[in-house]
C-alpha atoms as a PDB file:
ATOM      1  CA  UNK A   1      87.688 114.994  60.612  1.00  0.00           C
ATOM      2  CA  UNK A   2      88.941 116.713  64.079  1.00  0.00           C
ATOM      3  CA  UNK A   3      91.418 114.496  65.795  1.00  0.00           C
ATOM      4  CA  UNK A   4      90.295 112.091  68.757  1.00  0.00           C
ATOM      5  CA  UNK A   5      90.677 113.469  72.121  1.00  0.00           C
ATOM      6  CA  UNK A   6      93.118 110.714  73.115  1.00  0.00           C
ATOM      7  CA  UNK A   7      91.571 111.416  76.806  1.00  0.00           C
ATOM      8  CA  UNK A   8      87.978 110.787  75.755  1.00  0.00           C
ATOM      9  CA  UNK A   9      89.148 107.954  74.342  1.00  0.00           C
ATOM     10  CA  UNK A  10      90.897 106.721  77.466  1.00  0.00           C
ATOM     11  CA  UNK A  11      88.210 107.406  79.273  1.00  0.00           C
ATOM     12  CA  UNK A  12      85.650 105.156  76.698  1.00  0.00           C
ATOM     13  CA  UNK A  13      88.159 102.495  76.608  1.00  0.00           C
ATOM     14  CA  UNK A  14      88.056 102.316  80.381  1.00  0.00           C
ATOM     15  CA  UNK A  15      84.789 102.387  80.887  1.00  0.00           C
ATOM     16  CA  UNK A  16      84.004  99.503  78.416  1.00  0.00           C
ATOM     17  CA  UNK A  17      86.467  97.626  80.808  1.00  0.00           C
ATOM     18  CA  UNK A  18      85.830  98.713  84.198  1.00  0.00           C
ATOM     19  CA  UNK A  19      83.457  95.667  84.785  1.00  0.00           C
ATOM     20  CA  UNK A  20      85.949  92.920  83.717  1.00  0.00           C
ATOM     21  CA  UNK A  21      88.866  94.832  85.419  1.00  0.00           C
ATOM     22  CA  UNK A  22      87.047  94.826  88.659  1.00  0.00           C
ATOM     23  CA  UNK A  23      85.675  90.577  88.839  1.00  0.00           C
ATOM     24  CA  UNK A  24      89.309  90.023  87.597  1.00  0.00           C
ATOM     25  CA  UNK A  25      90.977  91.993  91.139  1.00  0.00           C
ATOM     26  CA  UNK A  26      88.246  90.300  93.137  1.00  0.00           C
ATOM     27  CA  UNK A  27      88.956  87.328  91.522  1.00  0.00           C
ATOM     28  CA  UNK A  28      92.027  85.909  93.942  1.00  0.00           C
ATOM     29  CA  UNK A  29      90.176  87.233  97.419  1.00  0.00           C
ATOM     30  CA  UNK A  30      88.248  90.086  98.710  1.00  0.00           C
ATOM     31  CA  UNK A  31      89.468  92.492  98.575  1.00  0.00           C
ATOM     32  CA  UNK A  32      88.373  96.255  99.618  1.00  0.00           C
ATOM     33  CA  UNK A  33      88.195  99.598  97.528  1.00  0.00           C
ATOM     34  CA  UNK A  34      91.776 101.341  97.995  1.00  0.00           C
ATOM     35  CA  UNK A  35      93.108  97.966  97.741  1.00  0.00           C
ATOM     36  CA  UNK A  36      91.407  97.483  94.217  1.00  0.00           C
ATOM     37  CA  UNK A  37      92.275 100.845  93.345  1.00  0.00           C
ATOM     38  CA  UNK A  38      95.998 100.502  93.630  1.00  0.00           C
ATOM     39  CA  UNK A  39      96.053  97.166  92.749  1.00  0.00           C
ATOM     40  CA  UNK A  40      94.672  98.359  89.111  1.00  0.00           C
ATOM     41  CA  UNK A  41      97.206 101.098  89.517  1.00  0.00           C
ATOM     42  CA  UNK A  42     100.463  99.031  89.898  1.00  0.00           C
ATOM     43  CA  UNK A  43      99.101  96.565  87.813  1.00  0.00           C
ATOM     44  CA  UNK A  44      98.521  98.508  84.915  1.00  0.00           C
ATOM     45  CA  UNK A  45     102.196 100.216  85.500  1.00  0.00           C
ATOM     46  CA  UNK A  46     100.246 103.430  86.362  1.00  0.00           C
ATOM     47  CA  UNK A  47      97.973 103.248  82.912  1.00  0.00           C
ATOM     48  CA  UNK A  48      94.802 102.550  84.611  1.00  0.00           C
ATOM     49  CA  UNK A  49      93.540 104.363  87.606  1.00  0.00           C
ATOM     50  CA  UNK A  50      90.089 104.618  89.235  1.00  0.00           C
ATOM     51  CA  UNK A  51      89.182 107.663  91.599  1.00  0.00           C
ATOM     52  CA  UNK A  52      86.838 106.971  94.576  1.00  0.00           C
ATOM     53  CA  UNK A  53      84.192 108.805  92.500  1.00  0.00           C
ATOM     54  CA  UNK A  54      83.821 106.512  89.738  1.00  0.00           C
ATOM     55  CA  UNK A  55      85.222 103.284  91.717  1.00  0.00           C
ATOM     56  CA  UNK A  56      82.759 102.915  94.410  1.00  0.00           C
ATOM     57  CA  UNK A  57      79.476 103.007  92.180  1.00  0.00           C
ATOM     58  CA  UNK A  58      81.229 100.465  89.767  1.00  0.00           C
ATOM     59  CA  UNK A  59      81.551  98.683  92.796  1.00  0.00           C
ATOM     60  CA  UNK A  60      78.096  99.328  94.275  1.00  0.00           C
ATOM     61  CA  UNK A  61      76.152  98.616  90.928  1.00  0.00           C
ATOM     62  CA  UNK A  62      78.333  95.134  90.127  1.00  0.00           C
ATOM     63  CA  UNK A  63      76.947  94.155  94.486  1.00  0.00           C
ATOM     64  CA  UNK A  64      73.818  95.660  93.222  1.00  0.00           C
ATOM     65  CA  UNK A  65      73.509  92.782  90.097  1.00  0.00           C
ATOM     66  CA  UNK A  66      74.590  90.059  92.258  1.00  0.00           C
ATOM     67  CA  UNK A  67      78.225  89.794  90.980  1.00  0.00           C
ATOM     68  CA  UNK A  68      79.835  91.219  93.742  1.00  0.00           C
ATOM     69  CA  UNK A  69      78.794  90.954  97.636  1.00  0.00           C
ATOM     70  CA  UNK A  70      80.074  93.134  99.608  1.00  0.00           C
ATOM     71  CA  UNK A  71      80.664  92.665 103.638  1.00  0.00           C
ATOM     72  CA  UNK A  72      81.844  95.503 106.626  1.00  0.00           C
ATOM     73  CA  UNK A  73      84.614  94.821 108.405  1.00  0.00           C
ATOM     74  CA  UNK A  74      86.286  96.216 110.933  1.00  0.00           C
ATOM     75  CA  UNK A  75      89.588  95.461 112.866  1.00  0.00           C
ATOM     76  CA  UNK A  76      90.853  96.790 115.730  1.00  0.00           C
ATOM     77  CA  UNK A  77      92.619  99.823 115.294  1.00  0.00           C
ATOM     78  CA  UNK A  78      91.851 100.232 111.701  1.00  0.00           C
ATOM     79  CA  UNK A  79      89.035 102.097 109.971  1.00  0.00           C
ATOM     80  CA  UNK A  80      85.512  99.893 108.650  1.00  0.00           C
ATOM     81  CA  UNK A  81      86.073  98.908 105.275  1.00  0.00           C
ATOM     82  CA  UNK A  82      83.708  96.795 102.777  1.00  0.00           C
ATOM     83  CA  UNK A  83      85.580  93.616 101.196  1.00  0.00           C
ATOM     84  CA  UNK A  84      83.849  93.165  98.338  1.00  0.00           C
ATOM     85  CA  UNK A  85      84.257  88.928  96.510  1.00  0.00           C
ATOM     86  CA  UNK A  86      83.000  87.425  93.624  1.00  0.00           C
ATOM     87  CA  UNK A  87      79.802  85.588  93.922  1.00  0.00           C
ATOM     88  CA  UNK A  88      79.371  82.467  91.617  1.00  0.00           C
ATOM     89  CA  UNK A  89      77.181  84.550  89.435  1.00  0.00           C
ATOM     90  CA  UNK A  90      80.611  87.182  89.207  1.00  0.00           C
ATOM     91  CA  UNK A  91      82.370  84.476  88.191  1.00  0.00           C
ATOM     92  CA  UNK A  92      80.287  82.775  85.601  1.00  0.00           C
ATOM     93  CA  UNK A  93      80.267  86.687  84.286  1.00  0.00           C
ATOM     94  CA  UNK A  94      84.186  86.751  84.524  1.00  0.00           C
ATOM     95  CA  UNK A  95      83.988  84.049  82.111  1.00  0.00           C
ATOM     96  CA  UNK A  96      82.326  85.187  79.727  1.00  0.00           C
ATOM     97  CA  UNK A  97      83.668  88.712  80.056  1.00  0.00           C
ATOM     98  CA  UNK A  98      87.195  87.214  79.303  1.00  0.00           C
ATOM     99  CA  UNK A  99      86.091  85.668  76.326  1.00  0.00           C
ATOM    100  CA  UNK A 100      84.317  88.652  74.717  1.00  0.00           C
ATOM    101  CA  UNK A 101      87.358  90.623  75.394  1.00  0.00           C
ATOM    102  CA  UNK A 102      90.110  88.017  74.045  1.00  0.00           C
ATOM    103  CA  UNK A 103      88.235  87.719  70.791  1.00  0.00           C
ATOM    104  CA  UNK A 104      87.870  91.636  70.594  1.00  0.00           C
ATOM    105  CA  UNK A 105      91.285  91.812  71.292  1.00  0.00           C
ATOM    106  CA  UNK A 106      92.218  89.595  68.273  1.00  0.00           C
ATOM    107  CA  UNK A 107      89.836  90.762  66.188  1.00  0.00           C
ATOM    108  CA  UNK A 108      91.401  94.297  66.361  1.00  0.00           C
ATOM    109  CA  UNK A 109      94.558  92.969  65.755  1.00  0.00           C
ATOM    110  CA  UNK A 110      93.868  91.445  62.403  1.00  0.00           C
ATOM    111  CA  UNK A 111      92.045  94.553  61.373  1.00  0.00           C
ATOM    112  CA  UNK A 112      95.334  96.975  62.414  1.00  0.00           C
ATOM    113  CA  UNK A 113      98.017  94.642  62.134  1.00  0.00           C
ATOM    114  CA  UNK A 114      98.590  95.213  65.760  1.00  0.00           C
ATOM    115  CA  UNK A 115      99.963  91.821  66.772  1.00  0.00           C
ATOM    116  CA  UNK A 116      99.354  90.999  70.254  1.00  0.00           C
ATOM    117  CA  UNK A 117     101.087  89.079  73.323  1.00  0.00           C
END
């Protein structure tokens, strides 16, 4: 049986958790795309990176679903940026996704013998 390509596995894991990651990052306050990207990288200690090509389409999808609200903001001397924040539906979805993720991580720990914090 061939080995699973680590990059492919990383990509699939990130794809499966991307919504949870984005919703969690904007939970505290409204943020623009570049800031979201940098926070993901910083909080994951460089383990996760979302490039523009994948981040912005995801933000647009979350906005279309009604989980995020986006608004263009212009500040003097700065370029125009689109800030995103959670809607009430987004907060409900985030709570459900967190519970699902906790259950999944616990189950994986039980099956694999790997403890989680």
